[in-house]
Protein backbone atom coordinates (compact mmCIF):
# COMPACT_ATOMS: atom_id res chain seq x y z
CA UNK A 1 0.00 0.00 0.00
CA UNK A 2 1.37 3.42 -0.97
CA UNK A 3 2.03 5.95 1.83
CA UNK A 4 -0.80 8.23 0.67
CA UNK A 5 -3.18 5.29 0.41
CA UNK A 6 -2.19 4.15 3.89
CA UNK A 7 -2.80 7.62 5.31
CA UNK A 8 -6.22 7.80 3.68
CA UNK A 9 -7.07 4.32 4.98
CA UNK A 10 -6.11 5.27 8.55
CA UNK A 11 -8.16 8.47 8.35
CA UNK A 12 -11.16 6.48 7.15
CA UNK A 13 -10.79 4.07 10.07
CA UNK A 14 -10.62 6.98 12.52
CA UNK A 15 -13.71 8.58 11.01
CA UNK A 16 -15.56 5.26 11.16
CA UNK A 17 -14.59 4.85 14.82
CA UNK A 18 -15.71 8.38 15.68
CA UNK A 19 -18.99 7.79 13.85
CA UNK A 20 -19.69 4.64 15.88
CA UNK A 21 -18.68 6.44 19.08
CA UNK A 22 -21.10 9.29 18.40
CA UNK A 23 -23.95 6.90 17.68
CA UNK A 24 -23.34 4.96 20.90
CA UNK A 25 -23.34 8.14 22.99
CA UNK A 26 -26.44 9.88 21.64
CA UNK A 27 -28.13 9.91 25.07
CA UNK A 28 -26.94 9.56 28.66
CA UNK A 29 -29.58 7.54 30.48
CA UNK A 30 -33.23 6.51 30.45
CA UNK A 31 -36.09 7.65 32.60
CA UNK A 32 -38.31 4.63 33.23
CA UNK A 33 -41.68 6.14 34.07
CA UNK A 34 -44.64 4.41 35.67
CA UNK A 35 -48.00 6.04 36.37
CA UNK A 36 -50.71 5.35 38.92
CA UNK A 37 -54.04 4.86 37.09
CA UNK A 38 -56.08 6.25 39.97
CA UNK A 39 -54.28 9.59 39.67
CA UNK A 40 -54.49 9.60 35.87
CA UNK A 41 -58.27 9.19 36.01
CA UNK A 42 -58.95 11.48 38.98
CA UNK A 43 -58.19 14.89 37.46
CA UNK A 44 -60.02 17.70 35.69
CA UNK A 45 -57.40 17.92 32.95
CA UNK A 46 -58.47 14.95 30.84
CA UNK A 47 -60.95 12.15 30.52
CA UNK A 48 -60.10 8.55 31.38
CA UNK A 49 -61.27 5.49 29.47
CA UNK A 50 -60.50 1.87 30.19
CA UNK A 51 -58.88 -0.11 27.37
CA UNK A 52 -60.92 -2.52 25.28
CA UNK A 53 -59.54 -5.38 27.35
CA UNK A 54 -61.31 -3.97 30.43
CA UNK A 55 -60.35 -2.08 33.57
CA UNK A 56 -56.60 -2.48 34.26
CA UNK A 57 -55.40 -3.92 37.52
CA UNK A 58 -54.90 -1.54 40.41
CA UNK A 59 -51.18 -1.35 39.80
CA UNK A 60 -48.66 1.07 38.37
CA UNK A 61 -48.62 0.97 34.58
CA UNK A 62 -45.70 1.77 32.31
CA UNK A 63 -45.80 5.22 30.76
CA UNK A 64 -42.52 5.01 28.90
CA UNK A 65 -38.80 4.46 28.65
CA UNK A 66 -37.37 7.85 27.76
CA UNK A 67 -33.79 8.63 26.64
CA UNK A 68 -32.43 11.73 28.39
CA UNK A 69 -29.38 13.95 28.63
CA UNK A 70 -27.64 14.81 31.89
CA UNK A 71 -28.23 18.52 31.25
CA UNK A 72 -32.00 18.02 31.49
CA UNK A 73 -32.74 17.94 27.78
CA UNK A 74 -33.89 14.94 25.81
CA UNK A 75 -33.98 13.76 22.20
CA UNK A 76 -37.31 13.06 20.53
CA UNK A 77 -38.71 11.82 17.22
CA UNK A 78 -35.24 10.83 16.07
CA UNK A 79 -36.13 8.74 13.04
CA UNK A 80 -39.28 9.69 11.11
CA UNK A 81 -38.72 6.69 8.83
CA UNK A 82 -38.88 4.20 11.71
CA UNK A 83 -42.49 3.12 12.01
CA UNK A 84 -44.07 1.12 14.79
CA UNK A 85 -44.49 -2.47 13.59
CA UNK A 86 -46.85 -4.44 15.81
CA UNK A 87 -45.76 -7.71 14.20
CA UNK A 88 -42.29 -7.28 15.72
CA UNK A 89 -43.73 -7.47 19.24
CA UNK A 90 -46.63 -9.86 18.61
CA UNK A 91 -45.48 -12.17 21.41
CA UNK A 92 -45.36 -9.24 23.87
CA UNK A 93 -48.87 -7.89 23.26
CA UNK A 94 -50.46 -9.75 26.18
CA UNK A 95 -47.82 -8.46 28.59
CA UNK A 96 -48.09 -4.92 27.19
CA UNK A 97 -51.86 -4.91 27.61
CA UNK A 98 -51.36 -5.83 31.26
CA UNK A 99 -48.26 -3.81 32.18
CA UNK A 100 -48.47 -0.89 29.70
CA UNK A 101 -52.23 -0.23 29.42
CA UNK A 102 -53.77 2.82 27.82
CA UNK A 103 -56.23 5.03 29.69
CA UNK A 104 -56.82 7.58 26.94
CA UNK A 105 -60.18 8.16 25.30
CA UNK A 106 -61.83 6.82 23.31
CA UNK A 107 -61.25 3.27 24.53
CA UNK A 108 -58.69 1.48 22.38
CA UNK A 109 -56.33 -1.50 22.32
CA UNK A 110 -53.13 0.38 23.27
CA UNK A 111 -51.54 0.43 19.80
CA UNK A 112 -51.78 4.22 19.53
CA UNK A 113 -50.07 4.65 22.93
CA UNK A 114 -47.25 2.23 22.12
CA UNK A 115 -46.81 3.78 18.67
CA UNK A 116 -46.43 7.23 20.20
CA UNK A 117 -43.87 6.02 22.74
CA UNK A 118 -41.79 4.24 20.11
CA UNK A 119 -41.84 7.10 17.59
CA UNK A 120 -41.15 9.87 20.10
CA UNK A 121 -38.77 8.08 22.50
CA UNK A 122 -37.84 4.62 21.27
CA UNK A 123 -36.39 5.81 17.97
CA UNK A 124 -33.90 7.90 19.95
CA UNK A 125 -32.46 4.82 21.62
CA UNK A 126 -32.30 2.45 18.66
CA UNK A 127 -28.51 2.64 18.68
CA UNK A 128 -28.90 0.43 21.78
CA UNK A 129 -32.32 -1.21 21.45
CA UNK A 130 -34.33 -2.17 18.41
CA UNK A 131 -38.11 -1.98 18.60
CA UNK A 132 -38.67 -5.38 20.16
CA UNK A 133 -35.78 -4.93 22.61
CA UNK A 134 -37.15 -1.54 23.62
CA UNK A 135 -40.54 -2.85 24.69
CA UNK A 136 -39.05 -5.98 26.19
CA UNK A 137 -36.63 -3.90 28.27
CA UNK A 138 -39.50 -1.84 29.69
CA UNK A 139 -41.43 -4.97 30.63
CA UNK A 140 -38.38 -6.42 32.40
CA UNK A 141 -37.80 -3.18 34.30
CA UNK A 142 -41.43 -3.23 35.42
CA UNK A 143 -40.87 -6.66 36.96
CA UNK A 144 -37.61 -5.58 38.61
CA UNK A 145 -39.25 -2.57 40.24
CA UNK A 146 -42.47 -3.76 41.82
CA UNK A 147 -43.47 -0.32 43.04
CA UNK A 148 -46.86 -1.22 44.48
CA UNK A 149 -45.33 -4.04 46.52
CA UNK A 150 -42.55 -1.75 47.73
CA UNK A 151 -45.06 0.83 48.94
CA UNK A 152 -47.41 -1.77 50.42
CA UNK A 153 -44.52 -3.26 52.39
CA UNK A 154 -44.02 0.18 53.93
CA UNK A 155 -47.69 0.49 54.82
CA UNK A 156 -48.42 2.89 51.98
CA UNK A 157 -51.56 1.80 50.15
CA UNK A 158 -53.92 3.23 47.49
CA UNK A 159 -56.72 4.01 49.93
CA UNK A 160 -57.22 7.76 49.41
CA UNK A 161 -55.17 8.51 52.51
CA UNK A 162 -52.33 11.03 52.64
CA UNK A 163 -48.70 9.95 53.09
CA UNK A 164 -45.46 11.83 53.57
CA UNK A 165 -43.61 12.29 50.30
CA UNK A 166 -40.35 11.40 52.05
CA UNK A 167 -41.80 8.07 53.21
CA UNK A 168 -42.81 7.21 49.64
CA UNK A 169 -39.33 8.04 48.34
CA UNK A 170 -37.69 6.02 51.13
CA UNK A 171 -39.86 2.96 50.49
CA UNK A 172 -38.97 2.90 46.80
CA UNK A 173 -35.29 3.55 47.47
CA UNK A 174 -35.28 0.65 49.94
CA UNK A 175 -36.67 -1.69 47.25
CA UNK A 176 -34.84 -0.45 44.15
CA UNK A 177 -31.63 0.93 45.61
CA UNK A 178 -31.91 4.47 44.26
CA UNK A 179 -33.90 7.59 45.02
CA UNK A 180 -36.84 7.94 42.62
CA UNK A 181 -38.33 11.04 41.08
CA UNK A 182 -41.94 11.59 42.15
CA UNK A 183 -44.45 13.54 40.07
CA UNK A 184 -47.81 14.63 41.42
CA UNK A 185 -50.95 15.97 39.85
CA UNK A 186 -54.11 17.33 41.47
CA UNK A 187 -57.49 15.72 41.77
CA UNK A 188 -60.86 17.38 41.29
CA UNK A 189 -60.61 18.74 44.87
CA UNK A 190 -57.11 20.11 44.18
CA UNK A 191 -55.42 17.59 46.43
CA UNK A 192 -51.83 16.76 45.53
CA UNK A 193 -51.73 13.08 44.61
CA UNK A 194 -49.17 10.46 43.62
CA UNK A 195 -49.14 10.32 39.83
CA UNK A 196 -45.85 9.15 38.29
CA UNK A 197 -42.63 7.59 39.53
CA UNK A 198 -39.35 8.04 37.64
CA UNK A 199 -36.44 5.62 37.94
CA UNK A 200 -33.17 6.06 36.07
CA UNK A 201 -31.73 3.31 33.91
CA UNK A 202 -28.42 2.84 32.12
CA UNK A 203 -28.20 3.19 28.34
CA UNK A 204 -28.49 -0.57 27.83
CA UNK A 205 -31.98 -0.42 29.32
CA UNK A 206 -31.06 -3.12 31.82
CA UNK A 207 -30.05 -1.73 35.20
CA UNK A 208 -31.27 0.98 37.53
CA UNK A 209 -28.75 3.68 38.32
CA UNK A 210 -28.50 6.79 40.47
CA UNK A 211 -30.36 9.55 38.66
CA UNK A 212 -28.02 12.11 37.10
CA UNK A 213 -30.97 14.49 37.34
CA UNK A 214 -34.33 14.12 39.08
CA UNK A 215 -37.44 15.69 37.53
CA UNK A 216 -39.26 18.46 39.38
CA UNK A 217 -41.81 16.83 41.65
CA UNK A 218 -44.51 19.52 41.99
CA UNK A 219 -45.62 17.62 45.08
CA UNK A 220 -46.56 18.76 48.53
CA UNK A 221 -44.83 17.29 51.56
CA UNK A 222 -47.91 15.14 52.14
CA UNK A 223 -49.69 13.57 49.15
CA UNK A 224 -52.71 11.39 48.54
CA UNK A 225 -52.49 7.86 47.19
CA UNK A 226 -55.87 7.58 45.41
CA UNK A 227 -57.92 4.45 45.03
CA UNK A 228 -58.42 2.86 41.63
C-alpha cells in the first residue's frame, strides 16, 4: 500500500470509529416512568377510558422508557422513517396490555399509545435497542421494580389517605436501591396526589442507576395515594 493510500485508509478508520462512538453516545440515560391509574383518572385535565380489554389492575402501569441527557434535555422523534411495527412485538402484546395499558379516550387497544412512545422516544435509543428490545426492556424493568409491593410493604396503600412524600421516596429507594423522582398531579378537589414515579436506567436499558438528574416533583410534603 502506498504511503498516501495508507494515510487515507487510517483516516477512514478513525472517522468510522468516531462515527460509531457518536452513535453509541447519543443519550446519557433513560427515565423509566410508571404512572398510577387512579391519579391519571382522577383529574379535571383529561378524561379517562379503560382499554378494550377492560379495567386495568390496580397497579402502576408503564408510561414510557425515555432517553435523556444529563443537562436536562432529551432527544425526541429521532427517526421519522422508523415506524411502529406491531408484528415485531406480537409475542409481547399480552404483557403490554397488562403492564403498559392505555387510559386515553376513546377506549382502544393500546396500539396508539405504544406507537407514540416508540416514535417519540424509542427511535432515539435504537442505537442500543431495536423496537422489540425496547418494549421488552421496559417490561423487564417493570418486573424488577415492583413499586406497588414496595409501597405496600411500607404500609403505603392506594386508599385515598395522605402519606409523607419522604416516606414514599424512602420505600422505593429501599426496594430499588436508588432515590426515585416523584411527580404529582391534582385531583378534582385540588389535592396533591401520587401520579408518576421516575427511575433512572443505564443506556443498555437493563439496570437501575443513580439519577443524574431528578425531575421536578410539583408535590406537597404530604400527598394522597388515590384508590383505583
